[in-house]
Amino acid sequence: MTSDHMLNRRAVLASMAALALPAMRAKGMAKADPREAAIVEKSTEALIEITKIPAKGLPISLLKQAQGLVIVPDLLKAGFVITGRIGRGVLVARDEAGAWTNPVFLGMAGGGIGAQIGAQATDVILVLRTKRSVDDFLSHNKVTLGADIGVAAGPVGRQAEADTDLQFRAEILSYSRSRGLFAGVSIEGSSLHIRHQANDLYYGVPNLLVGDILAGRDFDDNPLRVPPSAVRLRATLNTLSAPPAERRVEEKAAQRPKTRVPR
């Protein structure tokens, strides 16, 4: 696509946005949609919990090196012989300065055949280790894990410190925290797709492009309004992926009372 075509497309979208925005704000679009805000909050909690699992969670060393993360809290898997998976989550990536971006909303769905009975809620985190893996995902509205993009179970504990494991060389590593009757979760064959309407509802801007979300700018190149739940997610990522000394300073600062207590 030529630069002229891109400019024309953005001009059309900007015109549509100008016409649609007043009506959308009248319906409460000025505030983040509570359903999408809840997904961001759950994603933050899932990230905190999965990094706290002793010897089996997401290693902080990998989080520091990650170029992007897909977080799907409460991925639901259920079935009898024929199983299905469905969930909603977010994608965050690092910008050119290495800081974490605003979340982009996505959905995960898939199915399979196996001797499994029961139901399971699983928090899934995909670690995108390279800029190329982030770009490959964002260049498509829908991708299938294991087909369009390769994925491997992420190393844990001491295994994460050794660069000799073949799975460690994969560009995308998966981690999960399961609660239910299944012993584990396999996400190969699951598809991920961008939820454009959820992005519009959350940020209060119609026809919002993924690139605008990651850049934090709207159609007019003004700063994008960032809801509190996204601010907390980014702050959590910055704290977890900071060097140990910086993490201690940030954790102490977070523990200080925000107001003075009267004597």
C-alpha atoms as a PDB file:
ATOM      1  CA  MET A   1       0.000   0.000   0.000  1.00  0.00           C
ATOM      2  CA  THR A   2       1.431   3.391  -1.018  1.00  0.00           C
ATOM      3  CA  SER A   3       1.865   6.333   1.345  1.00  0.00           C
ATOM      4  CA  ASP A   4      -0.858   8.240  -0.550  1.00  0.00           C
ATOM      5  CA  HIS A   5      -3.304   5.397   0.020  1.00  0.00           C
ATOM      6  CA  MET A   6      -2.411   5.292   3.719  1.00  0.00           C
ATOM      7  CA  LEU A   7      -2.969   9.043   4.035  1.00  0.00           C
ATOM      8  CA  ASN A   8      -6.294   8.792   2.230  1.00  0.00           C
ATOM      9  CA  ARG A   9      -7.388   5.914   4.476  1.00  0.00           C
ATOM     10  CA  ARG A  10      -6.523   7.826   7.615  1.00  0.00           C
ATOM     11  CA  ALA A  11      -8.321  10.911   6.286  1.00  0.00           C
ATOM     12  CA  VAL A  12     -11.488   8.871   5.663  1.00  0.00           C
ATOM     13  CA  LEU A  13     -11.298   7.274   9.095  1.00  0.00           C
ATOM     14  CA  ALA A  14     -10.719  10.641  10.720  1.00  0.00           C
ATOM     15  CA  SER A  15     -13.815  12.047   8.984  1.00  0.00           C
ATOM     16  CA  MET A  16     -15.878   9.077  10.134  1.00  0.00           C
ATOM     17  CA  ALA A  17     -14.578   9.549  13.651  1.00  0.00           C
ATOM     18  CA  ALA A  18     -15.509  13.235  13.688  1.00  0.00           C
ATOM     19  CA  LEU A  19     -19.082  12.361  12.687  1.00  0.00           C
ATOM     20  CA  ALA A  20     -19.467   9.406  15.043  1.00  0.00           C
ATOM     21  CA  LEU A  21     -17.730  10.667  18.168  1.00  0.00           C
ATOM     22  CA  PRO A  22     -20.491  13.016  19.455  1.00  0.00           C
ATOM     23  CA  ALA A  23     -23.080  10.233  19.283  1.00  0.00           C
ATOM     24  CA  MET A  24     -20.724   7.740  20.912  1.00  0.00           C
ATOM     25  CA  ARG A  25     -19.930  10.132  23.743  1.00  0.00           C
ATOM     26  CA  ALA A  26     -23.640  10.678  24.272  1.00  0.00           C
ATOM     27  CA  LYS A  27     -23.892   6.962  24.945  1.00  0.00           C
ATOM     28  CA  GLY A  28     -21.203   7.064  27.603  1.00  0.00           C
ATOM     29  CA  MET A  29     -18.135   6.601  25.444  1.00  0.00           C
ATOM     30  CA  ALA A  30     -16.247   9.324  27.332  1.00  0.00           C
ATOM     31  CA  LYS A  31     -15.476   6.757  30.019  1.00  0.00           C
ATOM     32  CA  ALA A  32     -13.798   3.388  29.541  1.00  0.00           C
ATOM     33  CA  ASP A  33     -16.275   0.563  29.054  1.00  0.00           C
ATOM     34  CA  PRO A  34     -16.457  -1.256  32.425  1.00  0.00           C
ATOM     35  CA  ARG A  35     -16.353  -4.690  30.790  1.00  0.00           C
ATOM     36  CA  GLU A  36     -13.135  -3.936  28.969  1.00  0.00           C
ATOM     37  CA  ALA A  37     -11.674  -2.182  32.017  1.00  0.00           C
ATOM     38  CA  ALA A  38     -12.353  -5.363  34.002  1.00  0.00           C
ATOM     39  CA  ILE A  39     -10.370  -7.387  31.448  1.00  0.00           C
ATOM     40  CA  VAL A  40      -7.384  -5.060  31.861  1.00  0.00           C
ATOM     41  CA  GLU A  41      -7.633  -5.300  35.661  1.00  0.00           C
ATOM     42  CA  LYS A  42      -7.809  -9.107  35.499  1.00  0.00           C
ATOM     43  CA  SER A  43      -4.841  -9.132  33.118  1.00  0.00           C
ATOM     44  CA  THR A  44      -2.815  -7.148  35.646  1.00  0.00           C
ATOM     45  CA  GLU A  45      -3.737  -9.551  38.449  1.00  0.00           C
ATOM     46  CA  ALA A  46      -2.943 -12.583  36.266  1.00  0.00           C
ATOM     47  CA  LEU A  47       0.477 -11.131  35.454  1.00  0.00           C
ATOM     48  CA  ILE A  48       1.234 -10.557  39.136  1.00  0.00           C
ATOM     49  CA  GLU A  49       0.095 -14.028  40.158  1.00  0.00           C
ATOM     50  CA  ILE A  50       1.864 -15.930  37.392  1.00  0.00           C
ATOM     51  CA  THR A  51       5.192 -14.262  38.231  1.00  0.00           C
ATOM     52  CA  LYS A  52       4.771 -15.253  41.892  1.00  0.00           C
ATOM     53  CA  ILE A  53       4.475 -19.017  41.322  1.00  0.00           C
ATOM     54  CA  PRO A  54       7.623 -20.519  42.933  1.00  0.00           C
ATOM     55  CA  ALA A  55       9.884 -22.250  40.395  1.00  0.00           C
ATOM     56  CA  LYS A  56       7.026 -22.693  37.907  1.00  0.00           C
ATOM     57  CA  GLY A  57       5.900 -19.200  37.006  1.00  0.00           C
ATOM     58  CA  LEU A  58       6.960 -16.687  34.390  1.00  0.00           C
ATOM     59  CA  PRO A  59      10.631 -15.853  35.111  1.00  0.00           C
ATOM     60  CA  ILE A  60      11.317 -12.171  35.669  1.00  0.00           C
ATOM     61  CA  SER A  61      14.461 -12.551  33.539  1.00  0.00           C
ATOM     62  CA  LEU A  62      12.276 -13.371  30.500  1.00  0.00           C
ATOM     63  CA  LEU A  63       9.875 -10.544  31.284  1.00  0.00           C
ATOM     64  CA  LYS A  64      12.754  -8.080  31.208  1.00  0.00           C
ATOM     65  CA  GLN A  65      13.744  -9.300  27.727  1.00  0.00           C
ATOM     66  CA  ALA A  66      10.216  -9.555  26.328  1.00  0.00           C
ATOM     67  CA  GLN A  67       9.224  -7.302  23.425  1.00  0.00           C
ATOM     68  CA  GLY A  68       5.539  -8.019  23.871  1.00  0.00           C
ATOM     69  CA  LEU A  69       3.007  -9.913  25.990  1.00  0.00           C
ATOM     70  CA  VAL A  70      -0.395 -11.419  25.314  1.00  0.00           C
ATOM     71  CA  ILE A  71      -2.368 -11.822  28.550  1.00  0.00           C
ATOM     72  CA  VAL A  72      -5.643 -13.778  28.532  1.00  0.00           C
ATOM     73  CA  PRO A  73      -7.130 -14.036  32.028  1.00  0.00           C
ATOM     74  CA  ASP A  74      -9.749 -16.693  32.663  1.00  0.00           C
ATOM     75  CA  LEU A  75      -9.395 -18.581  29.383  1.00  0.00           C
ATOM     76  CA  LEU A  76     -12.286 -21.022  29.635  1.00  0.00           C
ATOM     77  CA  LYS A  77     -11.778 -24.587  28.480  1.00  0.00           C
ATOM     78  CA  ALA A  78     -14.572 -27.132  28.747  1.00  0.00           C
ATOM     79  CA  GLY A  79     -15.854 -30.234  27.023  1.00  0.00           C
ATOM     80  CA  PHE A  80     -16.343 -33.967  26.849  1.00  0.00           C
ATOM     81  CA  VAL A  81     -14.021 -35.546  24.241  1.00  0.00           C
ATOM     82  CA  ILE A  82     -14.479 -32.465  22.020  1.00  0.00           C
ATOM     83  CA  THR A  83     -13.109 -29.479  23.871  1.00  0.00           C
ATOM     84  CA  GLY A  84     -13.333 -25.755  23.283  1.00  0.00           C
ATOM     85  CA  ARG A  85     -11.390 -22.720  24.443  1.00  0.00           C
ATOM     86  CA  ILE A  86     -12.558 -19.130  24.556  1.00  0.00           C
ATOM     87  CA  GLY A  87     -11.226 -16.040  26.271  1.00  0.00           C
ATOM     88  CA  ARG A  88     -10.565 -12.320  26.029  1.00  0.00           C
ATOM     89  CA  GLY A  89      -7.396 -10.471  26.889  1.00  0.00           C
ATOM     90  CA  VAL A  90      -4.897  -7.816  25.870  1.00  0.00           C
ATOM     91  CA  LEU A  91      -1.630  -7.373  24.028  1.00  0.00           C
ATOM     92  CA  VAL A  92       1.058  -4.948  25.158  1.00  0.00           C
ATOM     93  CA  ALA A  93       4.396  -4.255  23.487  1.00  0.00           C
ATOM     94  CA  ARG A  94       7.487  -2.164  23.991  1.00  0.00           C
ATOM     95  CA  ASP A  95       7.804   1.091  22.113  1.00  0.00           C
ATOM     96  CA  GLU A  96      10.977   2.405  20.491  1.00  0.00           C
ATOM     97  CA  ALA A  97      12.200   3.699  23.874  1.00  0.00           C
ATOM     98  CA  GLY A  98      11.615   0.326  25.537  1.00  0.00           C
ATOM     99  CA  ALA A  99       8.573   1.459  27.554  1.00  0.00           C
ATOM    100  CA  TRP A 100       5.360  -0.596  27.624  1.00  0.00           C
ATOM    101  CA  THR A 101       2.485   0.537  25.417  1.00  0.00           C
ATOM    102  CA  ASN A 102      -1.227   0.839  26.011  1.00  0.00           C
ATOM    103  CA  PRO A 103      -3.156  -2.466  25.848  1.00  0.00           C
ATOM    104  CA  VAL A 104      -4.764  -3.677  22.618  1.00  0.00           C
ATOM    105  CA  PHE A 105      -7.800  -5.915  23.095  1.00  0.00           C
ATOM    106  CA  LEU A 106      -7.933  -9.376  21.561  1.00  0.00           C
ATOM    107  CA  GLY A 107      -9.869 -12.611  21.729  1.00  0.00           C
ATOM    108  CA  MET A 108      -8.713 -16.233  21.841  1.00  0.00           C
ATOM    109  CA  ALA A 109     -10.716 -19.190  20.591  1.00  0.00           C
ATOM    110  CA  GLY A 110     -10.024 -22.775  19.605  1.00  0.00           C
ATOM    111  CA  GLY A 111     -11.052 -26.389  19.905  1.00  0.00           C
ATOM    112  CA  GLY A 112      -9.672 -29.888  19.870  1.00  0.00           C
ATOM    113  CA  ILE A 113     -10.339 -33.582  20.346  1.00  0.00           C
ATOM    114  CA  GLY A 114      -8.988 -35.522  23.286  1.00  0.00           C
ATOM    115  CA  ALA A 115      -9.878 -37.720  26.236  1.00  0.00           C
ATOM    116  CA  GLN A 116     -10.667 -34.816  28.573  1.00  0.00           C
ATOM    117  CA  ILE A 117     -13.719 -34.270  30.733  1.00  0.00           C
ATOM    118  CA  GLY A 118     -14.435 -31.213  32.834  1.00  0.00           C
ATOM    119  CA  ALA A 119     -14.004 -27.478  32.892  1.00  0.00           C
ATOM    120  CA  GLN A 120     -11.036 -25.268  33.537  1.00  0.00           C
ATOM    121  CA  ALA A 121     -10.286 -21.582  33.954  1.00  0.00           C
ATOM    122  CA  THR A 122      -6.735 -20.709  32.960  1.00  0.00           C
ATOM    123  CA  ASP A 123      -4.711 -17.523  32.934  1.00  0.00           C
ATOM    124  CA  VAL A 124      -2.547 -17.600  29.802  1.00  0.00           C
ATOM    125  CA  ILE A 125       0.439 -15.381  29.081  1.00  0.00           C
ATOM    126  CA  LEU A 126       2.370 -15.459  25.818  1.00  0.00           C
ATOM    127  CA  VAL A 127       5.841 -13.939  25.885  1.00  0.00           C
ATOM    128  CA  LEU A 128       6.796 -12.401  22.526  1.00  0.00           C
ATOM    129  CA  ARG A 129      10.570 -12.432  22.726  1.00  0.00           C
ATOM    130  CA  THR A 130      11.415 -10.510  19.554  1.00  0.00           C
ATOM    131  CA  LYS A 131      10.239  -7.389  17.779  1.00  0.00           C
ATOM    132  CA  ARG A 132       9.604  -9.526  14.720  1.00  0.00           C
ATOM    133  CA  SER A 133       7.126 -11.733  16.588  1.00  0.00           C
ATOM    134  CA  VAL A 134       5.224  -8.611  17.690  1.00  0.00           C
ATOM    135  CA  ASP A 135       5.197  -7.209  14.155  1.00  0.00           C
ATOM    136  CA  ASP A 136       4.112 -10.570  12.686  1.00  0.00           C
ATOM    137  CA  PHE A 137       1.157 -10.703  15.038  1.00  0.00           C
ATOM    138  CA  LEU A 138       0.097  -7.096  14.503  1.00  0.00           C
ATOM    139  CA  SER A 139       0.310  -7.409  10.717  1.00  0.00           C
ATOM    140  CA  HIS A 140      -2.707  -9.762  10.800  1.00  0.00           C
ATOM    141  CA  ASN A 141      -6.155  -9.322  12.293  1.00  0.00           C
ATOM    142  CA  LYS A 142      -6.206 -13.033  13.115  1.00  0.00           C
ATOM    143  CA  VAL A 143      -3.459 -15.623  13.656  1.00  0.00           C
ATOM    144  CA  THR A 144      -3.462 -19.300  14.616  1.00  0.00           C
ATOM    145  CA  LEU A 145      -0.927 -20.408  17.198  1.00  0.00           C
ATOM    146  CA  GLY A 146       1.227 -23.258  15.968  1.00  0.00           C
ATOM    147  CA  ALA A 147       0.342 -22.557  12.338  1.00  0.00           C
ATOM    148  CA  ASP A 148       0.748 -18.864  11.531  1.00  0.00           C
ATOM    149  CA  ILE A 149       2.989 -18.288  14.551  1.00  0.00           C
ATOM    150  CA  GLY A 150       5.107 -20.900  16.334  1.00  0.00           C
ATOM    151  CA  VAL A 151       4.710 -21.201  20.098  1.00  0.00           C
ATOM    152  CA  ALA A 152       6.396 -23.377  22.731  1.00  0.00           C
ATOM    153  CA  ALA A 153       5.877 -23.986  26.437  1.00  0.00           C
ATOM    154  CA  GLY A 154       8.108 -21.565  28.294  1.00  0.00           C
ATOM    155  CA  PRO A 155      10.980 -22.725  30.502  1.00  0.00           C
ATOM    156  CA  VAL A 156      10.678 -22.256  34.258  1.00  0.00           C
ATOM    157  CA  GLY A 157      13.057 -22.100  37.200  1.00  0.00           C
ATOM    158  CA  ARG A 158      16.677 -22.921  36.444  1.00  0.00           C
ATOM    159  CA  GLN A 159      15.699 -24.039  32.958  1.00  0.00           C
ATOM    160  CA  ALA A 160      14.946 -20.394  32.119  1.00  0.00           C
ATOM    161  CA  GLU A 161      18.531 -19.435  32.924  1.00  0.00           C
ATOM    162  CA  ALA A 162      20.014 -22.005  30.498  1.00  0.00           C
ATOM    163  CA  ASP A 163      20.045 -21.049  26.833  1.00  0.00           C
ATOM    164  CA  THR A 164      20.598 -24.610  25.657  1.00  0.00           C
ATOM    165  CA  ASP A 165      16.967 -25.741  25.678  1.00  0.00           C
ATOM    166  CA  LEU A 166      15.455 -25.868  22.186  1.00  0.00           C
ATOM    167  CA  GLN A 167      12.131 -24.489  23.399  1.00  0.00           C
ATOM    168  CA  PHE A 168      13.894 -21.494  24.885  1.00  0.00           C
ATOM    169  CA  ARG A 169      14.867 -20.433  21.362  1.00  0.00           C
ATOM    170  CA  ALA A 170      11.249 -20.087  20.278  1.00  0.00           C
ATOM    171  CA  GLU A 171      10.110 -16.546  19.569  1.00  0.00           C
ATOM    172  CA  ILE A 172       6.858 -17.004  21.518  1.00  0.00           C
ATOM    173  CA  LEU A 173       6.727 -18.800  24.868  1.00  0.00           C
ATOM    174  CA  SER A 174       3.521 -19.712  26.703  1.00  0.00           C
ATOM    175  CA  TYR A 175       2.788 -19.793  30.422  1.00  0.00           C
ATOM    176  CA  SER A 176      -0.432 -20.697  32.200  1.00  0.00           C
ATOM    177  CA  ARG A 177      -1.962 -20.840  35.670  1.00  0.00           C
ATOM    178  CA  SER A 178      -4.804 -23.346  35.723  1.00  0.00           C
ATOM    179  CA  ARG A 179      -7.706 -23.859  38.098  1.00  0.00           C
ATOM    180  CA  GLY A 180      -9.952 -26.826  37.338  1.00  0.00           C
ATOM    181  CA  LEU A 181     -10.067 -30.473  36.396  1.00  0.00           C
ATOM    182  CA  PHE A 182      -7.552 -30.427  33.561  1.00  0.00           C
ATOM    183  CA  ALA A 183      -3.920 -30.960  34.471  1.00  0.00           C
ATOM    184  CA  GLY A 184      -2.696 -28.361  31.981  1.00  0.00           C
ATOM    185  CA  VAL A 185      -3.595 -26.377  28.913  1.00  0.00           C
ATOM    186  CA  SER A 186      -2.521 -26.678  25.290  1.00  0.00           C
ATOM    187  CA  ILE A 187      -3.061 -23.540  23.225  1.00  0.00           C
ATOM    188  CA  GLU A 188      -1.752 -24.804  19.876  1.00  0.00           C
ATOM    189  CA  GLY A 189      -4.511 -24.470  17.316  1.00  0.00           C
ATOM    190  CA  SER A 190      -6.074 -21.551  19.168  1.00  0.00           C
ATOM    191  CA  SER A 191      -6.641 -18.377  17.191  1.00  0.00           C
ATOM    192  CA  LEU A 192      -6.030 -14.818  18.318  1.00  0.00           C
ATOM    193  CA  HIS A 193      -7.899 -11.896  16.787  1.00  0.00           C
ATOM    194  CA  ILE A 194      -7.963  -8.141  17.395  1.00  0.00           C
ATOM    195  CA  ARG A 195     -11.191  -6.872  19.000  1.00  0.00           C
ATOM    196  CA  HIS A 196     -11.501  -3.525  17.276  1.00  0.00           C
ATOM    197  CA  GLN A 197     -14.869  -2.621  18.800  1.00  0.00           C
ATOM    198  CA  ALA A 198     -13.496  -3.250  22.302  1.00  0.00           C
ATOM    199  CA  ASN A 199     -10.607  -0.894  21.530  1.00  0.00           C
ATOM    200  CA  ASP A 200     -13.064   1.814  20.427  1.00  0.00           C
ATOM    201  CA  LEU A 201     -15.191   1.381  23.552  1.00  0.00           C
ATOM    202  CA  TYR A 202     -12.253   1.369  25.957  1.00  0.00           C
ATOM    203  CA  TYR A 203     -10.459   4.426  24.606  1.00  0.00           C
ATOM    204  CA  GLY A 204     -13.576   6.331  23.537  1.00  0.00           C
ATOM    205  CA  VAL A 205     -12.406   6.805  19.943  1.00  0.00           C
ATOM    206  CA  PRO A 206     -14.262   5.225  16.983  1.00  0.00           C
ATOM    207  CA  ASN A 207     -12.342   3.385  14.260  1.00  0.00           C
ATOM    208  CA  LEU A 208      -9.174   3.474  16.330  1.00  0.00           C
ATOM    209  CA  LEU A 209      -6.160   1.881  14.650  1.00  0.00           C
ATOM    210  CA  VAL A 210      -3.914  -0.534  16.520  1.00  0.00           C
ATOM    211  CA  GLY A 211      -0.908   1.602  15.620  1.00  0.00           C
ATOM    212  CA  ASP A 212      -2.581   4.616  17.249  1.00  0.00           C
ATOM    213  CA  ILE A 213      -3.103   2.665  20.483  1.00  0.00           C
ATOM    214  CA  LEU A 214       0.516   1.538  20.610  1.00  0.00           C
ATOM    215  CA  ALA A 215       1.719   5.059  19.845  1.00  0.00           C
ATOM    216  CA  GLY A 216      -0.655   6.584  22.389  1.00  0.00           C
ATOM    217  CA  ARG A 217      -1.967   9.178  19.897  1.00  0.00           C
ATOM    218  CA  ASP A 218      -5.373   9.825  18.343  1.00  0.00           C
ATOM    219  CA  PHE A 219      -6.301  10.806  14.751  1.00  0.00           C
ATOM    220  CA  ASP A 220      -5.209  14.389  15.334  1.00  0.00           C
ATOM    221  CA  ASP A 221      -1.923  13.265  16.883  1.00  0.00           C
ATOM    222  CA  ASN A 222      -3.100  14.316  20.344  1.00  0.00           C
ATOM    223  CA  PRO A 223      -2.272  12.144  23.376  1.00  0.00           C
ATOM    224  CA  LEU A 224      -4.734   9.266  23.665  1.00  0.00           C
ATOM    225  CA  ARG A 225      -6.816   9.261  26.830  1.00  0.00           C
ATOM    226  CA  VAL A 226      -5.564   6.337  28.907  1.00  0.00           C
ATOM    227  CA  PRO A 227      -7.997   4.802  31.450  1.00  0.00           C
ATOM    228  CA  PRO A 228      -6.715   4.120  35.009  1.00  0.00           C
ATOM    229  CA  SER A 229      -6.750   0.342  34.489  1.00  0.00           C
ATOM    230  CA  ALA A 230      -4.257   0.701  31.607  1.00  0.00           C
ATOM    231  CA  VAL A 231      -2.067   3.008  33.699  1.00  0.00           C
ATOM    232  CA  ARG A 232      -1.948   0.342  36.438  1.00  0.00           C
ATOM    233  CA  LEU A 233      -1.094  -2.425  33.964  1.00  0.00           C
ATOM    234  CA  ARG A 234       1.782  -0.422  32.495  1.00  0.00           C
ATOM    235  CA  ALA A 235       3.035   0.532  35.962  1.00  0.00           C
ATOM    236  CA  THR A 236       2.970  -3.131  37.016  1.00  0.00           C
ATOM    237  CA  LEU A 237       4.919  -4.147  33.919  1.00  0.00           C
ATOM    238  CA  ASN A 238       7.484  -1.417  34.502  1.00  0.00           C
ATOM    239  CA  THR A 239       7.922  -2.509  38.127  1.00  0.00           C
ATOM    240  CA  LEU A 240       8.213  -6.232  37.364  1.00  0.00           C
ATOM    241  CA  SER A 241      10.598  -5.742  34.450  1.00  0.00           C
ATOM    242  CA  ALA A 242      12.795  -3.146  36.158  1.00  0.00           C
ATOM    243  CA  PRO A 243      16.311  -4.057  37.394  1.00  0.00           C
ATOM    244  CA  PRO A 244      16.329  -5.384  41.017  1.00  0.00           C
ATOM    245  CA  ALA A 245      17.579  -2.101  42.534  1.00  0.00           C
ATOM    246  CA  GLU A 246      14.923  -0.076  40.713  1.00  0.00           C
ATOM    247  CA  ARG A 247      12.229  -2.591  41.676  1.00  0.00           C
ATOM    248  CA  ARG A 248      13.061  -2.178  45.374  1.00  0.00           C
ATOM    249  CA  VAL A 249      12.838   1.608  45.100  1.00  0.00           C
ATOM    250  CA  GLU A 250       9.516   1.440  43.230  1.00  0.00           C
ATOM    251  CA  GLU A 251       8.054  -1.093  45.687  1.00  0.00           C
ATOM    252  CA  LYS A 252       9.042   1.054  48.677  1.00  0.00           C
ATOM    253  CA  ALA A 253       7.559   4.139  47.011  1.00  0.00           C
ATOM    254  CA  ALA A 254       4.302   2.272  46.387  1.00  0.00           C
ATOM    255  CA  GLN A 255       4.119   1.289  50.061  1.00  0.00           C
ATOM    256  CA  ARG A 256       4.449   4.871  51.344  1.00  0.00           C
ATOM    257  CA  PRO A 257       1.177   6.522  52.460  1.00  0.00           C
ATOM    258  CA  LYS A 258      -0.103   9.016  49.908  1.00  0.00           C
ATOM    259  CA  THR A 259      -1.427  11.332  52.629  1.00  0.00           C
ATOM    260  CA  ARG A 260       0.091  12.401  55.930  1.00  0.00           C
ATOM    261  CA  VAL A 261      -1.426  10.731  58.983  1.00  0.00           C
ATOM    262  CA  PRO A 262      -2.323  13.243  61.748  1.00  0.00           C
ATOM    263  CA  ARG A 263      -0.453  12.796  65.001  1.00  0.00           C
END
